[in-house]
Amino acid sequence: MTKDTTLDAYALNFMPFYTEYQGPTKEFKDYKFEDTIYFRGKELQREKPATTSNSNSTNDRLSNGAILSGNAITDRVVSVNNYEREGTNRNELARLQELMSLIDLINQ
């Protein structure tokens, strides 16, 4: 869940796992499907890359809080946003190790 999640998107997280979500009903009619995957009624968020609006300035701030100064990231990235687990522990350790090595690489 992100801080700008709407109430409709929040309510969809409580749908049981065994129901197949067929699309927006009238309760969820203004729900957006851009970055959302549904798996057996459960909402999965794709990882959104950090973006910045004007990349030619001297001090850009990425959406994850890191500050770009020239070509180097000066702040430390402590977390990767919108990284949500699938609900099963399949490949969990490998995905966690990949995420930790990615954060270590950014923080060098």
PDB file of N, CA and C in Angstrom:
ATOM      1  N   MET A   1       0.842  -1.192   0.000  1.00  0.00           N
ATOM      2  CA  MET A   1       0.000   0.000   0.000  1.00  0.00           C
ATOM      3  C   MET A   1       0.882   1.248   0.000  1.00  0.00           C
ATOM      4  N   THR A   2       0.556   2.149  -0.856  1.00  0.00           N
ATOM      5  CA  THR A   2       1.287   3.407  -0.899  1.00  0.00           C
ATOM      6  C   THR A   2       0.454   4.502  -0.257  1.00  0.00           C
ATOM      7  N   LYS A   3       1.087   5.653  -0.032  1.00  0.00           N
ATOM      8  CA  LYS A   3       0.378   6.709   0.686  1.00  0.00           C
ATOM      9  C   LYS A   3      -0.708   7.359  -0.145  1.00  0.00           C
ATOM     10  N   ASP A   4      -0.648   7.202  -1.472  1.00  0.00           N
ATOM     11  CA  ASP A   4      -1.680   7.806  -2.315  1.00  0.00           C
ATOM     12  C   ASP A   4      -2.662   6.767  -2.847  1.00  0.00           C
ATOM     13  N   THR A   5      -2.808   5.646  -2.133  1.00  0.00           N
ATOM     14  CA  THR A   5      -3.762   4.628  -2.543  1.00  0.00           C
ATOM     15  C   THR A   5      -5.179   5.109  -2.233  1.00  0.00           C
ATOM     16  N   THR A   6      -6.066   4.940  -3.197  1.00  0.00           N
ATOM     17  CA  THR A   6      -7.437   5.373  -2.985  1.00  0.00           C
ATOM     18  C   THR A   6      -8.169   4.364  -2.116  1.00  0.00           C
ATOM     19  N   LEU A   7      -9.356   4.765  -1.645  1.00  0.00           N
ATOM     20  CA  LEU A   7     -10.144   3.869  -0.802  1.00  0.00           C
ATOM     21  C   LEU A   7     -10.611   2.652  -1.574  1.00  0.00           C
ATOM     22  N   ASP A   8     -10.912   2.828  -2.863  1.00  0.00           N
ATOM     23  CA  ASP A   8     -11.324   1.690  -3.680  1.00  0.00           C
ATOM     24  C   ASP A   8     -10.201   0.679  -3.824  1.00  0.00           C
ATOM     25  N   ALA A   9      -8.991   1.167  -4.027  1.00  0.00           N
ATOM     26  CA  ALA A   9      -7.858   0.254  -4.139  1.00  0.00           C
ATOM     27  C   ALA A   9      -7.575  -0.426  -2.814  1.00  0.00           C
ATOM     28  N   TYR A  10      -7.803   0.285  -1.711  1.00  0.00           N
ATOM     29  CA  TYR A  10      -7.578  -0.301  -0.386  1.00  0.00           C
ATOM     30  C   TYR A  10      -8.597  -1.391  -0.094  1.00  0.00           C
ATOM     31  N   ALA A  11      -9.834  -1.200  -0.526  1.00  0.00           N
ATOM     32  CA  ALA A  11     -10.871  -2.190  -0.269  1.00  0.00           C
ATOM     33  C   ALA A  11     -10.629  -3.465  -1.060  1.00  0.00           C
ATOM     34  N   LEU A  12      -9.986  -3.360  -2.215  1.00  0.00           N
ATOM     35  CA  LEU A  12      -9.737  -4.547  -3.032  1.00  0.00           C
ATOM     36  C   LEU A  12      -8.728  -5.484  -2.392  1.00  0.00           C
ATOM     37  N   ASN A  13      -7.912  -4.979  -1.458  1.00  0.00           N
ATOM     38  CA  ASN A  13      -6.932  -5.843  -0.816  1.00  0.00           C
ATOM     39  C   ASN A  13      -7.570  -6.852   0.114  1.00  0.00           C
ATOM     40  N   PHE A  14      -8.825  -6.630   0.500  1.00  0.00           N
ATOM     41  CA  PHE A  14      -9.474  -7.534   1.429  1.00  0.00           C
ATOM     42  C   PHE A  14     -10.356  -8.543   0.724  1.00  0.00           C
ATOM     43  N   MET A  15     -10.278  -8.610  -0.594  1.00  0.00           N
ATOM     44  CA  MET A  15     -11.013  -9.642  -1.310  1.00  0.00           C
ATOM     45  C   MET A  15     -10.352 -10.986  -1.032  1.00  0.00           C
ATOM     46  N   PRO A  16     -11.145 -12.037  -0.851  1.00  0.00           N
ATOM     47  CA  PRO A  16     -10.547 -13.352  -0.561  1.00  0.00           C
ATOM     48  C   PRO A  16      -9.753 -13.876  -1.751  1.00  0.00           C
ATOM     49  N   PHE A  17      -8.817 -14.765  -1.449  1.00  0.00           N
ATOM     50  CA  PHE A  17      -7.886 -15.237  -2.472  1.00  0.00           C
ATOM     51  C   PHE A  17      -8.571 -16.111  -3.516  1.00  0.00           C
ATOM     52  N   TYR A  18      -9.673 -16.775  -3.156  1.00  0.00           N
ATOM     53  CA  TYR A  18     -10.265 -17.743  -4.066  1.00  0.00           C
ATOM     54  C   TYR A  18     -11.237 -17.100  -5.047  1.00  0.00           C
ATOM     55  N   THR A  19     -11.479 -15.802  -4.954  1.00  0.00           N
ATOM     56  CA  THR A  19     -12.374 -15.162  -5.917  1.00  0.00           C
ATOM     57  C   THR A  19     -11.557 -14.614  -7.077  1.00  0.00           C
ATOM     58  N   GLU A  20     -12.095 -14.771  -8.256  1.00  0.00           N
ATOM     59  CA  GLU A  20     -11.451 -14.217  -9.435  1.00  0.00           C
ATOM     60  C   GLU A  20     -12.028 -12.832  -9.685  1.00  0.00           C
ATOM     61  N   TYR A  21     -11.184 -11.828  -9.694  1.00  0.00           N
ATOM     62  CA  TYR A  21     -11.655 -10.460  -9.916  1.00  0.00           C
ATOM     63  C   TYR A  21     -11.827 -10.231 -11.406  1.00  0.00           C
ATOM     64  N   GLN A  22     -13.035  -9.902 -11.815  1.00  0.00           N
ATOM     65  CA  GLN A  22     -13.372  -9.835 -13.235  1.00  0.00           C
ATOM     66  C   GLN A  22     -13.283  -8.431 -13.814  1.00  0.00           C
ATOM     67  N   GLY A  23     -12.966  -7.437 -13.023  1.00  0.00           N
ATOM     68  CA  GLY A  23     -12.927  -6.081 -13.545  1.00  0.00           C
ATOM     69  C   GLY A  23     -13.678  -5.151 -12.613  1.00  0.00           C
ATOM     70  N   PRO A  24     -13.763  -3.879 -12.958  1.00  0.00           N
ATOM     71  CA  PRO A  24     -14.403  -2.929 -12.051  1.00  0.00           C
ATOM     72  C   PRO A  24     -15.911  -3.126 -11.990  1.00  0.00           C
ATOM     73  N   THR A  25     -16.443  -3.245 -10.786  1.00  0.00           N
ATOM     74  CA  THR A  25     -17.887  -3.240 -10.596  1.00  0.00           C
ATOM     75  C   THR A  25     -18.318  -1.806 -10.337  1.00  0.00           C
ATOM     76  N   LYS A  26     -19.588  -1.607 -10.010  1.00  0.00           N
ATOM     77  CA  LYS A  26     -20.026  -0.228  -9.820  1.00  0.00           C
ATOM     78  C   LYS A  26     -19.464   0.366  -8.538  1.00  0.00           C
ATOM     79  N   GLU A  27     -19.089  -0.478  -7.549  1.00  0.00           N
ATOM     80  CA  GLU A  27     -18.452   0.073  -6.353  1.00  0.00           C
ATOM     81  C   GLU A  27     -17.050   0.586  -6.673  1.00  0.00           C
ATOM     82  N   PHE A  28     -16.355  -0.090  -7.575  1.00  0.00           N
ATOM     83  CA  PHE A  28     -14.968   0.249  -7.884  1.00  0.00           C
ATOM     84  C   PHE A  28     -14.872   0.852  -9.279  1.00  0.00           C
ATOM     85  N   LYS A  29     -15.848   1.647  -9.678  1.00  0.00           N
ATOM     86  CA  LYS A  29     -15.913   2.052 -11.083  1.00  0.00           C
ATOM     87  C   LYS A  29     -14.806   3.022 -11.467  1.00  0.00           C
ATOM     88  N   ASP A  30     -14.297   3.815 -10.502  1.00  0.00           N
ATOM     89  CA  ASP A  30     -13.245   4.769 -10.847  1.00  0.00           C
ATOM     90  C   ASP A  30     -11.873   4.260 -10.439  1.00  0.00           C
ATOM     91  N   TYR A  31     -11.727   2.965 -10.369  1.00  0.00           N
ATOM     92  CA  TYR A  31     -10.437   2.391  -9.988  1.00  0.00           C
ATOM     93  C   TYR A  31      -9.550   2.283 -11.217  1.00  0.00           C
ATOM     94  N   LYS A  32      -8.280   2.647 -11.082  1.00  0.00           N
ATOM     95  CA  LYS A  32      -7.361   2.631 -12.217  1.00  0.00           C
ATOM     96  C   LYS A  32      -6.596   1.311 -12.258  1.00  0.00           C
ATOM     97  N   PHE A  33      -6.350   0.817 -13.457  1.00  0.00           N
ATOM     98  CA  PHE A  33      -5.693  -0.469 -13.652  1.00  0.00           C
ATOM     99  C   PHE A  33      -4.288  -0.323 -14.208  1.00  0.00           C
ATOM    100  N   GLU A  34      -3.706   0.889 -14.160  1.00  0.00           N
ATOM    101  CA  GLU A  34      -2.451   1.125 -14.871  1.00  0.00           C
ATOM    102  C   GLU A  34      -1.312   0.268 -14.328  1.00  0.00           C
ATOM    103  N   ASP A  35      -1.088   0.295 -13.019  1.00  0.00           N
ATOM    104  CA  ASP A  35       0.063  -0.392 -12.435  1.00  0.00           C
ATOM    105  C   ASP A  35      -0.350  -1.577 -11.589  1.00  0.00           C
ATOM    106  N   THR A  36      -1.516  -2.139 -11.849  1.00  0.00           N
ATOM    107  CA  THR A  36      -2.058  -3.146 -10.954  1.00  0.00           C
ATOM    108  C   THR A  36      -2.243  -4.463 -11.687  1.00  0.00           C
ATOM    109  N   ILE A  37      -1.827  -5.533 -11.056  1.00  0.00           N
ATOM    110  CA  ILE A  37      -2.046  -6.882 -11.558  1.00  0.00           C
ATOM    111  C   ILE A  37      -2.951  -7.589 -10.558  1.00  0.00           C
ATOM    112  N   TYR A  38      -3.926  -8.365 -11.043  1.00  0.00           N
ATOM    113  CA  TYR A  38      -4.777  -9.131 -10.148  1.00  0.00           C
ATOM    114  C   TYR A  38      -4.448 -10.607 -10.280  1.00  0.00           C
ATOM    115  N   PHE A  39      -4.238 -11.262  -9.153  1.00  0.00           N
ATOM    116  CA  PHE A  39      -3.974 -12.696  -9.148  1.00  0.00           C
ATOM    117  C   PHE A  39      -4.924 -13.317  -8.141  1.00  0.00           C
ATOM    118  N   ARG A  40      -5.958 -14.024  -8.638  1.00  0.00           N
ATOM    119  CA  ARG A  40      -6.971 -14.669  -7.814  1.00  0.00           C
ATOM    120  C   ARG A  40      -7.587 -13.696  -6.818  1.00  0.00           C
ATOM    121  N   GLY A  41      -7.910 -12.510  -7.300  1.00  0.00           N
ATOM    122  CA  GLY A  41      -8.561 -11.535  -6.449  1.00  0.00           C
ATOM    123  C   GLY A  41      -7.625 -10.718  -5.608  1.00  0.00           C
ATOM    124  N   LYS A  42      -6.340 -11.062  -5.598  1.00  0.00           N
ATOM    125  CA  LYS A  42      -5.402 -10.304  -4.786  1.00  0.00           C
ATOM    126  C   LYS A  42      -4.690  -9.280  -5.657  1.00  0.00           C
ATOM    127  N   GLU A  43      -4.555  -8.079  -5.125  1.00  0.00           N
ATOM    128  CA  GLU A  43      -3.941  -7.002  -5.889  1.00  0.00           C
ATOM    129  C   GLU A  43      -2.431  -7.047  -5.733  1.00  0.00           C
ATOM    130  N   LEU A  44      -1.717  -7.041  -6.848  1.00  0.00           N
ATOM    131  CA  LEU A  44      -0.259  -7.003  -6.831  1.00  0.00           C
ATOM    132  C   LEU A  44       0.181  -5.700  -7.474  1.00  0.00           C
ATOM    133  N   GLN A  45       1.060  -4.973  -6.813  1.00  0.00           N
ATOM    134  CA  GLN A  45       1.553  -3.716  -7.352  1.00  0.00           C
ATOM    135  C   GLN A  45       2.877  -3.964  -8.066  1.00  0.00           C
ATOM    136  N   ARG A  46       2.992  -3.442  -9.270  1.00  0.00           N
ATOM    137  CA  ARG A  46       4.284  -3.487  -9.948  1.00  0.00           C
ATOM    138  C   ARG A  46       5.218  -2.475  -9.321  1.00  0.00           C
ATOM    139  N   GLU A  47       6.501  -2.782  -9.386  1.00  0.00           N
ATOM    140  CA  GLU A  47       7.488  -1.848  -8.848  1.00  0.00           C
ATOM    141  C   GLU A  47       7.627  -0.667  -9.797  1.00  0.00           C
ATOM    142  N   LYS A  48       7.434   0.544  -9.274  1.00  0.00           N
ATOM    143  CA  LYS A  48       7.533   1.739 -10.108  1.00  0.00           C
ATOM    144  C   LYS A  48       8.958   2.271 -10.070  1.00  0.00           C
ATOM    145  N   PRO A  49       9.567   2.548 -11.216  1.00  0.00           N
ATOM    146  CA  PRO A  49      10.919   3.107 -11.210  1.00  0.00           C
ATOM    147  C   PRO A  49      10.915   4.546 -10.714  1.00  0.00           C
ATOM    148  N   ALA A  50      12.027   4.944 -10.147  1.00  0.00           N
ATOM    149  CA  ALA A  50      12.159   6.320  -9.677  1.00  0.00           C
ATOM    150  C   ALA A  50      12.254   7.248 -10.876  1.00  0.00           C
ATOM    151  N   THR A  51      11.445   8.277 -10.863  1.00  0.00           N
ATOM    152  CA  THR A  51      11.428   9.215 -11.981  1.00  0.00           C
ATOM    153  C   THR A  51      11.682  10.628 -11.473  1.00  0.00           C
ATOM    154  N   THR A  52      12.220  11.447 -12.325  1.00  0.00           N
ATOM    155  CA  THR A  52      12.399  12.862 -11.996  1.00  0.00           C
ATOM    156  C   THR A  52      11.952  13.684 -13.187  1.00  0.00           C
ATOM    157  N   SER A  53      11.421  14.870 -12.924  1.00  0.00           N
ATOM    158  CA  SER A  53      10.767  15.623 -13.994  1.00  0.00           C
ATOM    159  C   SER A  53      11.772  16.370 -14.866  1.00  0.00           C
ATOM    160  N   ASN A  54      12.699  17.098 -14.260  1.00  0.00           N
ATOM    161  CA  ASN A  54      13.670  17.851 -15.053  1.00  0.00           C
ATOM    162  C   ASN A  54      15.062  17.321 -14.743  1.00  0.00           C
ATOM    163  N   SER A  55      15.604  16.574 -15.700  1.00  0.00           N
ATOM    164  CA  SER A  55      16.854  15.860 -15.447  1.00  0.00           C
ATOM    165  C   SER A  55      18.084  16.699 -15.763  1.00  0.00           C
ATOM    166  N   ASN A  56      17.927  17.920 -16.242  1.00  0.00           N
ATOM    167  CA  ASN A  56      19.096  18.708 -16.612  1.00  0.00           C
ATOM    168  C   ASN A  56      19.475  19.735 -15.546  1.00  0.00           C
ATOM    169  N   SER A  57      18.770  19.749 -14.421  1.00  0.00           N
ATOM    170  CA  SER A  57      19.124  20.704 -13.372  1.00  0.00           C
ATOM    171  C   SER A  57      20.258  20.130 -12.522  1.00  0.00           C
ATOM    172  N   THR A  58      20.780  20.942 -11.626  1.00  0.00           N
ATOM    173  CA  THR A  58      21.929  20.495 -10.834  1.00  0.00           C
ATOM    174  C   THR A  58      21.514  19.691  -9.626  1.00  0.00           C
ATOM    175  N   ASN A  59      20.284  19.853  -9.162  1.00  0.00           N
ATOM    176  CA  ASN A  59      19.860  19.148  -7.954  1.00  0.00           C
ATOM    177  C   ASN A  59      18.473  18.563  -8.174  1.00  0.00           C
ATOM    178  N   ASP A  60      18.404  17.351  -8.704  1.00  0.00           N
ATOM    179  CA  ASP A  60      17.121  16.693  -8.905  1.00  0.00           C
ATOM    180  C   ASP A  60      16.829  15.787  -7.730  1.00  0.00           C
ATOM    181  N   ARG A  61      15.560  15.665  -7.429  1.00  0.00           N
ATOM    182  CA  ARG A  61      15.144  14.741  -6.376  1.00  0.00           C
ATOM    183  C   ARG A  61      14.302  13.639  -7.012  1.00  0.00           C
ATOM    184  N   LEU A  62      14.726  12.399  -6.816  1.00  0.00           N
ATOM    185  CA  LEU A  62      13.974  11.278  -7.355  1.00  0.00           C
ATOM    186  C   LEU A  62      12.738  11.048  -6.505  1.00  0.00           C
ATOM    187  N   SER A  63      11.815  10.238  -7.049  1.00  0.00           N
ATOM    188  CA  SER A  63      10.578   9.995  -6.317  1.00  0.00           C
ATOM    189  C   SER A  63      10.794   9.114  -5.092  1.00  0.00           C
ATOM    190  N   ASN A  64      11.930   8.417  -5.002  1.00  0.00           N
ATOM    191  CA  ASN A  64      12.182   7.621  -3.808  1.00  0.00           C
ATOM    192  C   ASN A  64      13.020   8.372  -2.783  1.00  0.00           C
ATOM    193  N   GLY A  65      13.256   9.657  -2.973  1.00  0.00           N
ATOM    194  CA  GLY A  65      13.923  10.448  -1.956  1.00  0.00           C
ATOM    195  C   GLY A  65      15.394  10.678  -2.200  1.00  0.00           C
ATOM    196  N   ALA A  66      15.986   9.975  -3.163  1.00  0.00           N
ATOM    197  CA  ALA A  66      17.403  10.180  -3.432  1.00  0.00           C
ATOM    198  C   ALA A  66      17.599  11.481  -4.201  1.00  0.00           C
ATOM    199  N   ILE A  67      18.712  12.135  -3.964  1.00  0.00           N
ATOM    200  CA  ILE A  67      19.000  13.421  -4.601  1.00  0.00           C
ATOM    201  C   ILE A  67      20.066  13.211  -5.670  1.00  0.00           C
ATOM    202  N   LEU A  68      19.771  13.662  -6.885  1.00  0.00           N
ATOM    203  CA  LEU A  68      20.751  13.592  -7.963  1.00  0.00           C
ATOM    204  C   LEU A  68      21.563  14.880  -7.986  1.00  0.00           C
ATOM    205  N   SER A  69      22.877  14.757  -7.937  1.00  0.00           N
ATOM    206  CA  SER A  69      23.744  15.920  -8.061  1.00  0.00           C
ATOM    207  C   SER A  69      24.745  15.609  -9.161  1.00  0.00           C
ATOM    208  N   GLY A  70      24.558  16.214 -10.329  1.00  0.00           N
ATOM    209  CA  GLY A  70      25.380  15.841 -11.475  1.00  0.00           C
ATOM    210  C   GLY A  70      24.961  14.475 -11.972  1.00  0.00           C
ATOM    211  N   ASN A  71      25.879  13.520 -11.930  1.00  0.00           N
ATOM    212  CA  ASN A  71      25.554  12.158 -12.323  1.00  0.00           C
ATOM    213  C   ASN A  71      25.597  11.190 -11.159  1.00  0.00           C
ATOM    214  N   ALA A  72      25.711  11.697  -9.929  1.00  0.00           N
ATOM    215  CA  ALA A  72      25.831  10.818  -8.766  1.00  0.00           C
ATOM    216  C   ALA A  72      24.614  10.975  -7.875  1.00  0.00           C
ATOM    217  N   ILE A  73      24.219   9.886  -7.240  1.00  0.00           N
ATOM    218  CA  ILE A  73      23.152   9.930  -6.246  1.00  0.00           C
ATOM    219  C   ILE A  73      23.810  10.203  -4.900  1.00  0.00           C
ATOM    220  N   THR A  74      23.501  11.350  -4.289  1.00  0.00           N
ATOM    221  CA  THR A  74      24.206  11.742  -3.073  1.00  0.00           C
ATOM    222  C   THR A  74      23.541  11.210  -1.819  1.00  0.00           C
ATOM    223  N   ASP A  75      22.215  11.082  -1.809  1.00  0.00           N
ATOM    224  CA  ASP A  75      21.538  10.552  -0.637  1.00  0.00           C
ATOM    225  C   ASP A  75      21.528   9.034  -0.688  1.00  0.00           C
ATOM    226  N   ARG A  76      21.325   8.431   0.463  1.00  0.00           N
ATOM    227  CA  ARG A  76      21.245   6.976   0.516  1.00  0.00           C
ATOM    228  C   ARG A  76      19.804   6.544   0.298  1.00  0.00           C
ATOM    229  N   VAL A  77      19.631   5.500  -0.491  1.00  0.00           N
ATOM    230  CA  VAL A  77      18.305   4.952  -0.731  1.00  0.00           C
ATOM    231  C   VAL A  77      18.083   3.851   0.298  1.00  0.00           C
ATOM    232  N   VAL A  78      17.129   4.045   1.186  1.00  0.00           N
ATOM    233  CA  VAL A  78      16.940   3.068   2.252  1.00  0.00           C
ATOM    234  C   VAL A  78      15.864   2.054   1.915  1.00  0.00           C
ATOM    235  N   SER A  79      15.006   2.348   0.964  1.00  0.00           N
ATOM    236  CA  SER A  79      13.980   1.377   0.607  1.00  0.00           C
ATOM    237  C   SER A  79      13.601   1.578  -0.849  1.00  0.00           C
ATOM    238  N   VAL A  80      13.078   0.514  -1.440  1.00  0.00           N
ATOM    239  CA  VAL A  80      12.569   0.591  -2.800  1.00  0.00           C
ATOM    240  C   VAL A  80      11.050   0.586  -2.706  1.00  0.00           C
ATOM    241  N   ASN A  81      10.420   1.604  -3.256  1.00  0.00           N
ATOM    242  CA  ASN A  81       8.974   1.756  -3.114  1.00  0.00           C
ATOM    243  C   ASN A  81       8.229   0.720  -3.944  1.00  0.00           C
ATOM    244  N   ASN A  82       7.034   0.397  -3.485  1.00  0.00           N
ATOM    245  CA  ASN A  82       6.074  -0.453  -4.193  1.00  0.00           C
ATOM    246  C   ASN A  82       6.635  -1.842  -4.484  1.00  0.00           C
ATOM    247  N   TYR A  83       7.502  -2.339  -3.620  1.00  0.00           N
ATOM    248  CA  TYR A  83       7.983  -3.707  -3.769  1.00  0.00           C
ATOM    249  C   TYR A  83       7.116  -4.583  -2.874  1.00  0.00           C
ATOM    250  N   GLU A  84       6.159  -5.267  -3.475  1.00  0.00           N
ATOM    251  CA  GLU A  84       5.224  -6.059  -2.685  1.00  0.00           C
ATOM    252  C   GLU A  84       5.393  -7.527  -3.025  1.00  0.00           C
ATOM    253  N   ARG A  85       5.220  -8.346  -2.006  1.00  0.00           N
ATOM    254  CA  ARG A  85       5.391  -9.780  -2.205  1.00  0.00           C
ATOM    255  C   ARG A  85       4.130 -10.388  -2.803  1.00  0.00           C
ATOM    256  N   GLU A  86       4.301 -11.568  -3.350  1.00  0.00           N
ATOM    257  CA  GLU A  86       3.222 -12.202  -4.088  1.00  0.00           C
ATOM    258  C   GLU A  86       2.255 -12.945  -3.181  1.00  0.00           C
ATOM    259  N   GLY A  87       2.606 -13.145  -1.929  1.00  0.00           N
ATOM    260  CA  GLY A  87       1.736 -13.870  -1.029  1.00  0.00           C
ATOM    261  C   GLY A  87       2.226 -15.280  -0.754  1.00  0.00           C
ATOM    262  N   THR A  88       3.095 -15.817  -1.602  1.00  0.00           N
ATOM    263  CA  THR A  88       3.688 -17.124  -1.352  1.00  0.00           C
ATOM    264  C   THR A  88       5.162 -16.925  -1.035  1.00  0.00           C
ATOM    265  N   ASN A  89       5.771 -17.923  -0.439  1.00  0.00           N
ATOM    266  CA  ASN A  89       7.198 -17.819  -0.115  1.00  0.00           C
ATOM    267  C   ASN A  89       8.068 -18.403  -1.217  1.00  0.00           C
ATOM    268  N   ARG A  90       7.506 -18.575  -2.411  1.00  0.00           N
ATOM    269  CA  ARG A  90       8.272 -19.088  -3.539  1.00  0.00           C
ATOM    270  C   ARG A  90       9.254 -18.022  -4.006  1.00  0.00           C
ATOM    271  N   ASN A  91      10.522 -18.368  -4.022  1.00  0.00           N
ATOM    272  CA  ASN A  91      11.610 -17.476  -4.435  1.00  0.00           C
ATOM    273  C   ASN A  91      11.719 -16.229  -3.563  1.00  0.00           C
ATOM    274  N   GLU A  92      11.175 -16.290  -2.334  1.00  0.00           N
ATOM    275  CA  GLU A  92      11.212 -15.097  -1.482  1.00  0.00           C
ATOM    276  C   GLU A  92      12.638 -14.723  -1.114  1.00  0.00           C
ATOM    277  N   LEU A  93      13.450 -15.725  -0.758  1.00  0.00           N
ATOM    278  CA  LEU A  93      14.819 -15.430  -0.338  1.00  0.00           C
ATOM    279  C   LEU A  93      15.629 -14.861  -1.497  1.00  0.00           C
ATOM    280  N   ALA A  94      15.428 -15.413  -2.686  1.00  0.00           N
ATOM    281  CA  ALA A  94      16.167 -14.911  -3.845  1.00  0.00           C
ATOM    282  C   ALA A  94      15.754 -13.483  -4.185  1.00  0.00           C
ATOM    283  N   ARG A  95      14.464 -13.193  -4.073  1.00  0.00           N
ATOM    284  CA  ARG A  95      14.012 -11.837  -4.385  1.00  0.00           C
ATOM    285  C   ARG A  95      14.493 -10.846  -3.335  1.00  0.00           C
ATOM    286  N   LEU A  96      14.531 -11.288  -2.072  1.00  0.00           N
ATOM    287  CA  LEU A  96      15.012 -10.399  -1.016  1.00  0.00           C
ATOM    288  C   LEU A  96      16.504 -10.138  -1.160  1.00  0.00           C
ATOM    289  N   GLN A  97      17.272 -11.184  -1.515  1.00  0.00           N
ATOM    290  CA  GLN A  97      18.710 -10.994  -1.713  1.00  0.00           C
ATOM    291  C   GLN A  97      18.984 -10.083  -2.909  1.00  0.00           C
ATOM    292  N   GLU A  98      18.174 -10.224  -3.947  1.00  0.00           N
ATOM    293  CA  GLU A  98      18.338  -9.354  -5.115  1.00  0.00           C
ATOM    294  C   GLU A  98      18.040  -7.902  -4.757  1.00  0.00           C
ATOM    295  N   LEU A  99      17.004  -7.698  -3.939  1.00  0.00           N
ATOM    296  CA  LEU A  99      16.658  -6.338  -3.519  1.00  0.00           C
ATOM    297  C   LEU A  99      17.736  -5.743  -2.625  1.00  0.00           C
ATOM    298  N   MET A 100      18.295  -6.556  -1.711  1.00  0.00           N
ATOM    299  CA  MET A 100      19.338  -6.049  -0.817  1.00  0.00           C
ATOM    300  C   MET A 100      20.607  -5.711  -1.588  1.00  0.00           C
ATOM    301  N   SER A 101      20.949  -6.532  -2.574  1.00  0.00           N
ATOM    302  CA  SER A 101      22.149  -6.232  -3.355  1.00  0.00           C
ATOM    303  C   SER A 101      21.938  -5.004  -4.233  1.00  0.00           C
ATOM    304  N   LEU A 102      20.689  -4.795  -4.683  1.00  0.00           N
ATOM    305  CA  LEU A 102      20.391  -3.588  -5.453  1.00  0.00           C
ATOM    306  C   LEU A 102      20.540  -2.340  -4.592  1.00  0.00           C
ATOM    307  N   ILE A 103      20.052  -2.394  -3.347  1.00  0.00           N
ATOM    308  CA  ILE A 103      20.179  -1.249  -2.440  1.00  0.00           C
ATOM    309  C   ILE A 103      21.640  -1.016  -2.089  1.00  0.00           C
ATOM    310  N   ASP A 104      22.404  -2.105  -1.879  1.00  0.00           N
ATOM    311  CA  ASP A 104      23.832  -1.956  -1.584  1.00  0.00           C
ATOM    312  C   ASP A 104      24.577  -1.328  -2.758  1.00  0.00           C
ATOM    313  N   LEU A 105      24.179  -1.707  -3.965  1.00  0.00           N
ATOM    314  CA  LEU A 105      24.835  -1.152  -5.152  1.00  0.00           C
ATOM    315  C   LEU A 105      24.543   0.336  -5.299  1.00  0.00           C
ATOM    316  N   ILE A 106      23.298   0.723  -5.008  1.00  0.00           N
ATOM    317  CA  ILE A 106      22.942   2.141  -5.104  1.00  0.00           C
ATOM    318  C   ILE A 106      23.660   2.949  -4.030  1.00  0.00           C
ATOM    319  N   ASN A 107      23.821   2.366  -2.849  1.00  0.00           N
ATOM    320  CA  ASN A 107      24.383   3.108  -1.720  1.00  0.00           C
ATOM    321  C   ASN A 107      25.906   3.167  -1.729  1.00  0.00           C
ATOM    322  N   GLN A 108      26.553   2.600  -2.722  1.00  0.00           N
ATOM    323  CA  GLN A 108      28.021   2.624  -2.739  1.00  0.00           C
ATOM    324  C   GLN A 108      28.546   4.024  -2.996  1.00  0.00           C
TER     325      GLN A 108
END
